[in-house]
Structures are given as C-alpha cells and as structure tokens.
Amino acid sequence: SYWLSTTFTKMKLASRLGYICLGIANLLITILLGSRWLENGYFPLSNLYESLLFFTWGITAVNLVMEYKTTLPLVGSVTTPLALFVVAFATLSLPEGMQKAAPLVPALKSNWLM
C-alpha cells in the first residue's frame, strides 16, 4: 500500500493502511521477541535469526516514528520491502537449528543482556 500511495499521491487511504499494517507487524515482532526473552531469560540476540528479527523490529520502529513525524509515505516505500526481505531470509533461508534459541556463549553472558 506504500507503493500505491507513493505512485498515486491522492490516495491517502493507502498510506494510512500501510502505516496501520506496519504498526501491527511491529507489535507482533515485539511480542515475538518478548516471548523469546521471557522463555529463555535473556534478550534474544544470541543467534542470527534473533538478531535479524531485532533488526527488522528496529527498521519498522524507526519507520513508524519517522512517518508519524513527517507523514511521508516514501519512507515506508523503502523500509517496508527491506523489512520483508530480512524476515523472509531469516524465516525461509536459515535452517531450523539456527532459528532455535541456544544457551548464551560466555562472551554474551553479561548483566546488560539479562
């Protein structure tokens, strides 16, 4: 919907729909990361899958803040496909063993991550 609102600038509904869908996606990623944090007892950055999800969460959060401040759908036109491709890579390309949470390596066992 961001691409529709970028192409056809008179369609404000498409931009609003994209903003709402991106907010829902960000909320779901937050719930996913939070549940992994509660389940494992540490912030989920121990493997590539969790790091890519956190990166996607950051992209969508920055997009929501920037679009709220500027009301430009162009930001969403760039960041939404990027977030989609990162999640698709993390979910479809990484083996299941890399998607499972593993115990932290000693270098990551700090109070800042607990």
C-alpha atoms as a PDB file:
ATOM      1  CA  SER A   1       0.000   0.000   0.000  1.00  0.00           C
ATOM      2  CA  TYR A   2       3.003   2.303   0.443  1.00  0.00           C
ATOM      3  CA  TRP A   3       3.818   1.870  -3.214  1.00  0.00           C
ATOM      4  CA  LEU A   4       0.248   2.818  -4.164  1.00  0.00           C
ATOM      5  CA  SER A   5       0.374   5.967  -2.059  1.00  0.00           C
ATOM      6  CA  THR A   6       3.785   6.876  -3.496  1.00  0.00           C
ATOM      7  CA  THR A   7       2.638   6.337  -7.069  1.00  0.00           C
ATOM      8  CA  PHE A   8      -0.794   7.874  -6.669  1.00  0.00           C
ATOM      9  CA  THR A   9      -0.294  10.775  -4.271  1.00  0.00           C
ATOM     10  CA  LYS A  10      -4.030  11.449  -3.923  1.00  0.00           C
ATOM     11  CA  MET A  11      -4.611   8.058  -2.249  1.00  0.00           C
ATOM     12  CA  LYS A  12      -4.225   8.914   1.426  1.00  0.00           C
ATOM     13  CA  LEU A  13      -6.088   5.769   2.481  1.00  0.00           C
ATOM     14  CA  ALA A  14      -3.333   3.514   1.103  1.00  0.00           C
ATOM     15  CA  SER A  15      -0.694   5.325   3.125  1.00  0.00           C
ATOM     16  CA  ARG A  16      -2.797   5.093   6.272  1.00  0.00           C
ATOM     17  CA  LEU A  17      -3.418   1.382   5.668  1.00  0.00           C
ATOM     18  CA  GLY A  18       0.317   0.802   5.253  1.00  0.00           C
ATOM     19  CA  TYR A  19       1.028   2.662   8.481  1.00  0.00           C
ATOM     20  CA  ILE A  20      -1.539   0.599  10.392  1.00  0.00           C
ATOM     21  CA  CYS A  21      -0.271  -2.699   8.953  1.00  0.00           C
ATOM     22  CA  LEU A  22       3.314  -1.751   9.773  1.00  0.00           C
ATOM     23  CA  GLY A  23       2.272  -0.886  13.327  1.00  0.00           C
ATOM     24  CA  ILE A  24       0.608  -4.287  13.685  1.00  0.00           C
ATOM     25  CA  ALA A  25       3.717  -6.007  12.297  1.00  0.00           C
ATOM     26  CA  ASN A  26       5.918  -4.106  14.738  1.00  0.00           C
ATOM     27  CA  LEU A  27       3.651  -5.074  17.621  1.00  0.00           C
ATOM     28  CA  LEU A  28       3.763  -8.747  16.607  1.00  0.00           C
ATOM     29  CA  ILE A  29       7.563  -8.698  16.326  1.00  0.00           C
ATOM     30  CA  THR A  30       7.703  -7.056  19.763  1.00  0.00           C
ATOM     31  CA  ILE A  31       5.529  -9.839  21.187  1.00  0.00           C
ATOM     32  CA  LEU A  32       7.688 -12.478  19.498  1.00  0.00           C
ATOM     33  CA  LEU A  33      10.931 -11.005  20.833  1.00  0.00           C
ATOM     34  CA  GLY A  34       9.401 -10.503  24.270  1.00  0.00           C
ATOM     35  CA  SER A  35       8.164 -14.081  24.455  1.00  0.00           C
ATOM     36  CA  ARG A  36      11.589 -15.399  23.474  1.00  0.00           C
ATOM     37  CA  TRP A  37      13.113 -13.152  26.141  1.00  0.00           C
ATOM     38  CA  LEU A  38      10.764 -14.490  28.842  1.00  0.00           C
ATOM     39  CA  GLU A  39      11.196 -18.081  27.726  1.00  0.00           C
ATOM     40  CA  ASN A  40      14.998 -18.033  27.668  1.00  0.00           C
ATOM     41  CA  GLY A  41      15.774 -15.483  30.364  1.00  0.00           C
ATOM     42  CA  TYR A  42      17.926 -13.178  28.229  1.00  0.00           C
ATOM     43  CA  PHE A  43      17.390 -10.638  25.487  1.00  0.00           C
ATOM     44  CA  PRO A  44      17.090 -12.519  22.171  1.00  0.00           C
ATOM     45  CA  LEU A  45      20.302 -11.643  20.348  1.00  0.00           C
ATOM     46  CA  SER A  46      22.114 -14.956  20.733  1.00  0.00           C
ATOM     47  CA  ASN A  47      21.890 -16.140  17.126  1.00  0.00           C
ATOM     48  CA  LEU A  48      21.477 -14.813  13.600  1.00  0.00           C
ATOM     49  CA  TYR A  49      17.721 -15.407  13.500  1.00  0.00           C
ATOM     50  CA  GLU A  50      17.062 -13.373  16.632  1.00  0.00           C
ATOM     51  CA  SER A  51      19.437 -10.637  15.510  1.00  0.00           C
ATOM     52  CA  LEU A  52      17.663 -10.344  12.170  1.00  0.00           C
ATOM     53  CA  LEU A  53      14.280 -10.145  13.898  1.00  0.00           C
ATOM     54  CA  PHE A  54      15.603  -7.432  16.188  1.00  0.00           C
ATOM     55  CA  PHE A  55      16.980  -5.592  13.143  1.00  0.00           C
ATOM     56  CA  THR A  56      13.560  -5.816  11.489  1.00  0.00           C
ATOM     57  CA  TRP A  57      11.901  -4.560  14.659  1.00  0.00           C
ATOM     58  CA  GLY A  58      14.268  -1.574  14.645  1.00  0.00           C
ATOM     59  CA  ILE A  59      13.572  -0.818  10.980  1.00  0.00           C
ATOM     60  CA  THR A  60       9.815  -0.873  11.497  1.00  0.00           C
ATOM     61  CA  ALA A  61      10.017   1.176  14.706  1.00  0.00           C
ATOM     62  CA  VAL A  62      12.141   3.875  13.069  1.00  0.00           C
ATOM     63  CA  ASN A  63       9.780   3.875  10.100  1.00  0.00           C
ATOM     64  CA  LEU A  64       6.739   4.360  12.342  1.00  0.00           C
ATOM     65  CA  VAL A  65       8.382   7.245  14.193  1.00  0.00           C
ATOM     66  CA  MET A  66       9.629   8.937  11.016  1.00  0.00           C
ATOM     67  CA  GLU A  67       6.302   8.608   9.257  1.00  0.00           C
ATOM     68  CA  TYR A  68       4.478   9.952  12.304  1.00  0.00           C
ATOM     69  CA  LYS A  69       6.765  12.999  12.356  1.00  0.00           C
ATOM     70  CA  THR A  70       6.915  13.693   8.613  1.00  0.00           C
ATOM     71  CA  THR A  71       3.802  11.996   7.163  1.00  0.00           C
ATOM     72  CA  LEU A  72       5.805  10.986   4.072  1.00  0.00           C
ATOM     73  CA  PRO A  73       4.916   7.546   2.694  1.00  0.00           C
ATOM     74  CA  LEU A  74       8.218   7.438   0.817  1.00  0.00           C
ATOM     75  CA  VAL A  75       9.986   6.247   3.968  1.00  0.00           C
ATOM     76  CA  GLY A  76       7.673   3.243   4.154  1.00  0.00           C
ATOM     77  CA  SER A  77       8.155   2.538   0.457  1.00  0.00           C
ATOM     78  CA  VAL A  78      11.832   1.913   1.118  1.00  0.00           C
ATOM     79  CA  THR A  79      11.879   0.350   4.578  1.00  0.00           C
ATOM     80  CA  THR A  80       8.889  -1.989   4.287  1.00  0.00           C
ATOM     81  CA  PRO A  81      10.351  -4.108   1.447  1.00  0.00           C
ATOM     82  CA  LEU A  82      13.673  -4.172   3.296  1.00  0.00           C
ATOM     83  CA  ALA A  83      11.985  -5.486   6.440  1.00  0.00           C
ATOM     84  CA  LEU A  84      10.042  -8.012   4.365  1.00  0.00           C
ATOM     85  CA  PHE A  85      13.193  -9.362   2.719  1.00  0.00           C
ATOM     86  CA  VAL A  86      15.049  -9.595   6.041  1.00  0.00           C
ATOM     87  CA  VAL A  87      12.210 -11.556   7.656  1.00  0.00           C
ATOM     88  CA  ALA A  88      11.850 -13.760   4.562  1.00  0.00           C
ATOM     89  CA  PHE A  89      15.572 -14.548   4.637  1.00  0.00           C
ATOM     90  CA  ALA A  90      15.539 -15.260   8.369  1.00  0.00           C
ATOM     91  CA  THR A  91      12.467 -17.465   8.179  1.00  0.00           C
ATOM     92  CA  LEU A  92      12.916 -19.271   4.868  1.00  0.00           C
ATOM     93  CA  SER A  93      16.679 -19.493   4.344  1.00  0.00           C
ATOM     94  CA  LEU A  94      18.056 -20.187   7.785  1.00  0.00           C
ATOM     95  CA  PRO A  95      17.877 -23.810   8.911  1.00  0.00           C
ATOM     96  CA  GLU A  96      15.614 -24.648  11.836  1.00  0.00           C
ATOM     97  CA  GLY A  97      18.599 -25.310  14.041  1.00  0.00           C
ATOM     98  CA  MET A  98      19.693 -21.697  13.668  1.00  0.00           C
ATOM     99  CA  GLN A  99      16.201 -20.440  14.461  1.00  0.00           C
ATOM    100  CA  LYS A 100      16.050 -22.155  17.842  1.00  0.00           C
ATOM    101  CA  ALA A 101      17.298 -20.371  20.909  1.00  0.00           C
ATOM    102  CA  ALA A 102      20.538 -21.751  22.281  1.00  0.00           C
ATOM    103  CA  PRO A 103      22.366 -21.126  25.537  1.00  0.00           C
ATOM    104  CA  LEU A 104      24.399 -17.966  25.532  1.00  0.00           C
ATOM    105  CA  VAL A 105      28.090 -18.147  24.803  1.00  0.00           C
ATOM    106  CA  PRO A 106      30.229 -16.850  27.691  1.00  0.00           C
ATOM    107  CA  ALA A 107      31.022 -13.611  25.865  1.00  0.00           C
ATOM    108  CA  LEU A 108      27.307 -12.690  25.823  1.00  0.00           C
ATOM    109  CA  LYS A 109      26.616 -13.548  29.477  1.00  0.00           C
ATOM    110  CA  SER A 110      26.516 -10.039  30.860  1.00  0.00           C
ATOM    111  CA  ASN A 111      24.090  -8.250  33.138  1.00  0.00           C
ATOM    112  CA  TRP A 112      23.318  -5.821  30.332  1.00  0.00           C
ATOM    113  CA  LEU A 113      21.637  -8.587  28.326  1.00  0.00           C
ATOM    114  CA  MET A 114      19.770 -10.257  31.191  1.00  0.00           C
END
